[in-house]
C-alpha atoms as a PDB file:
ATOM      1  CA  MET A   1      58.474-100.167  35.365  1.00  0.00           C
ATOM      2  CA  PRO A   2      56.355 -98.137  32.831  1.00  0.00           C
ATOM      3  CA  ILE A   3      57.805 -95.442  30.782  1.00  0.00           C
ATOM      4  CA  ALA A   4      55.306 -92.989  32.377  1.00  0.00           C
ATOM      5  CA  PHE A   5      57.392 -93.144  35.524  1.00  0.00           C
ATOM      6  CA  ALA A   6      60.360 -91.930  33.627  1.00  0.00           C
ATOM      7  CA  TYR A   7      58.557 -89.155  31.824  1.00  0.00           C
ATOM      8  CA  THR A   8      57.005 -87.989  35.362  1.00  0.00           C
ATOM      9  CA  LEU A   9      60.510 -87.950  36.844  1.00  0.00           C
ATOM     10  CA  ILE A  10      61.927 -85.960  33.884  1.00  0.00           C
ATOM     11  CA  VAL A  11      59.160 -83.189  33.973  1.00  0.00           C
ATOM     12  CA  LEU A  12      59.633 -83.130  37.818  1.00  0.00           C
ATOM     13  CA  LEU A  13      63.406 -82.836  37.322  1.00  0.00           C
ATOM     14  CA  ILE A  14      62.976 -79.954  34.854  1.00  0.00           C
ATOM     15  CA  ILE A  15      60.600 -77.970  37.093  1.00  0.00           C
ATOM     16  CA  THR A  16      62.840 -78.574  40.160  1.00  0.00           C
ATOM     17  CA  SER A  17      65.942 -77.595  38.187  1.00  0.00           C
ATOM     18  CA  ILE A  18      64.381 -74.291  37.162  1.00  0.00           C
ATOM     19  CA  LEU A  19      62.942 -73.599  40.673  1.00  0.00           C
ATOM     20  CA  LEU A  20      66.394 -74.552  42.245  1.00  0.00           C
ATOM     21  CA  THR A  21      68.170 -72.117  40.062  1.00  0.00           C
ATOM     22  CA  LEU A  22      65.654 -69.225  40.737  1.00  0.00           C
ATOM     23  CA  LEU A  23      65.774 -69.922  44.569  1.00  0.00           C
ATOM     24  CA  ILE A  24      69.623 -69.889  44.522  1.00  0.00           C
ATOM     25  CA  LEU A  25      69.625 -66.693  42.697  1.00  0.00           C
ATOM     26  CA  LEU A  26      67.290 -65.143  45.212  1.00  0.00           C
ATOM     27  CA  HIS A  27      69.740 -65.729  48.110  1.00  0.00           C
ATOM     28  CA  ARG A  28      71.523 -62.671  49.423  1.00  0.00           C
ATOM     29  CA  GLY A  29      75.240 -62.663  48.570  1.00  0.00           C
ATOM     30  CA  LYS A  30      77.586 -63.093  51.694  1.00  0.00           C
ATOM     31  CA  GLY A  31      80.673 -61.794  49.941  1.00  0.00           C
ATOM     32  CA  GLY A  32      81.789 -59.419  47.268  1.00  0.00           C
ATOM     33  CA  GLY A  33      81.656 -61.863  44.466  1.00  0.00           C
ATOM     34  CA  MET A  34      79.258 -61.661  41.381  1.00  0.00           C
ATOM     35  CA  SER A  35      76.274 -60.617  43.605  1.00  0.00           C
ATOM     36  CA  SER A  36      77.979 -57.322  44.435  1.00  0.00           C
ATOM     37  CA  MET A  37      78.338 -56.455  40.844  1.00  0.00           C
ATOM     38  CA  PHE A  38      74.447 -56.614  40.346  1.00  0.00           C
ATOM     39  CA  GLY A  39      73.642 -54.491  43.547  1.00  0.00           C
ATOM     40  CA  GLY A  40      74.007 -57.249  46.078  1.00  0.00           C
ATOM     41  CA  GLY A  41      77.013 -55.407  47.743  1.00  0.00           C
ATOM     42  CA  VAL A  42      74.474 -52.910  49.365  1.00  0.00           C
ATOM     43  CA  THR A  43      74.506 -53.645  53.136  1.00  0.00           C
ATOM     44  CA  SER A  44      71.580 -53.118  55.232  1.00  0.00           C
ATOM     45  CA  SER A  45      71.667 -51.923  58.838  1.00  0.00           C
ATOM     46  CA  LEU A  46      69.771 -55.045  60.034  1.00  0.00           C
ATOM     47  CA  ALA A  47      71.947 -57.780  61.335  1.00  0.00           C
ATOM     48  CA  GLY A  48      70.991 -61.446  61.406  1.00  0.00           C
ATOM     49  CA  SER A  49      68.781 -63.541  59.251  1.00  0.00           C
ATOM     50  CA  SER A  50      65.228 -62.696  58.708  1.00  0.00           C
ATOM     51  CA  VAL A  51      62.271 -65.060  58.624  1.00  0.00           C
ATOM     52  CA  ALA A  52      62.089 -64.555  54.842  1.00  0.00           C
ATOM     53  CA  GLU A  53      65.740 -65.628  54.430  1.00  0.00           C
ATOM     54  CA  LYS A  54      65.247 -68.707  56.634  1.00  0.00           C
ATOM     55  CA  ASN A  55      62.183 -69.789  54.863  1.00  0.00           C
ATOM     56  CA  LEU A  56      64.008 -69.266  51.562  1.00  0.00           C
ATOM     57  CA  ASP A  57      66.859 -71.528  52.790  1.00  0.00           C
ATOM     58  CA  ARG A  58      64.248 -74.152  53.779  1.00  0.00           C
ATOM     59  CA  TYR A  59      62.659 -74.085  50.404  1.00  0.00           C
ATOM     60  CA  THR A  60      65.976 -74.254  48.676  1.00  0.00           C
ATOM     61  CA  VAL A  61      66.991 -77.351  50.662  1.00  0.00           C
ATOM     62  CA  LEU A  62      63.514 -79.050  50.143  1.00  0.00           C
ATOM     63  CA  VAL A  63      63.704 -78.329  46.314  1.00  0.00           C
ATOM     64  CA  ALA A  64      67.352 -79.737  46.216  1.00  0.00           C
ATOM     65  CA  ILE A  65      66.198 -82.968  48.116  1.00  0.00           C
ATOM     66  CA  ILE A  66      63.377 -83.463  45.431  1.00  0.00           C
ATOM     67  CA  TRP A  67      65.854 -82.743  42.580  1.00  0.00           C
ATOM     68  CA  PHE A  68      68.354 -85.315  44.007  1.00  0.00           C
ATOM     69  CA  ALA A  69      65.511 -87.884  44.460  1.00  0.00           C
ATOM     70  CA  CYS A  70      64.482 -87.428  40.845  1.00  0.00           C
ATOM     71  CA  ILE A  71      68.090 -88.031  39.648  1.00  0.00           C
ATOM     72  CA  VAL A  72      68.377 -91.162  41.950  1.00  0.00           C
ATOM     73  CA  GLY A  73      64.846 -92.329  40.724  1.00  0.00           C
ATOM     74  CA  LEU A  74      65.932 -91.832  36.963  1.00  0.00           C
ATOM     75  CA  GLY A  75      69.221 -93.745  37.579  1.00  0.00           C
ATOM     76  CA  PHE A  76      67.286 -96.617  39.229  1.00  0.00           C
ATOM     77  CA  TRP A  77      64.635 -96.856  36.322  1.00  0.00           C
ATOM     78  CA  LEU A  78      67.477 -96.804  33.687  1.00  0.00           C
ATOM     79  CA  LYS A  79      69.231 -99.723  35.679  1.00  0.00           C
ATOM     80  CA  VAL A  80      65.938-101.786  35.694  1.00  0.00           C
ATOM     81  CA  GLN A  81      65.330-101.079  31.993  1.00  0.00           C
ATOM     82  CA  LEU A  82      68.826-102.063  31.046  1.00  0.00           C
ATOM     83  CA  ALA A  83      68.731-105.276  32.950  1.00  0.00           C
ATOM     84  CA  SER A  84      65.513-106.352  31.308  1.00  0.00           C
END
């Protein structure tokens, strides 16, 4: 496999790592942990999940799947390169 494949996966891995970190930090804290220290402990009177929260969950899962695929792809590429 060409080395451009590995570079593409590395760039995609860096982008998805940053995106995944930001998406996780955007989630509302459920408990009183670290999120409440930074103002996340303020409770709203609205119960349940909003559409924005559900979409944020979907985007987080999608980016996590892409991130995982990049890790597996890089491992596969490395295995092929070491075998040849």
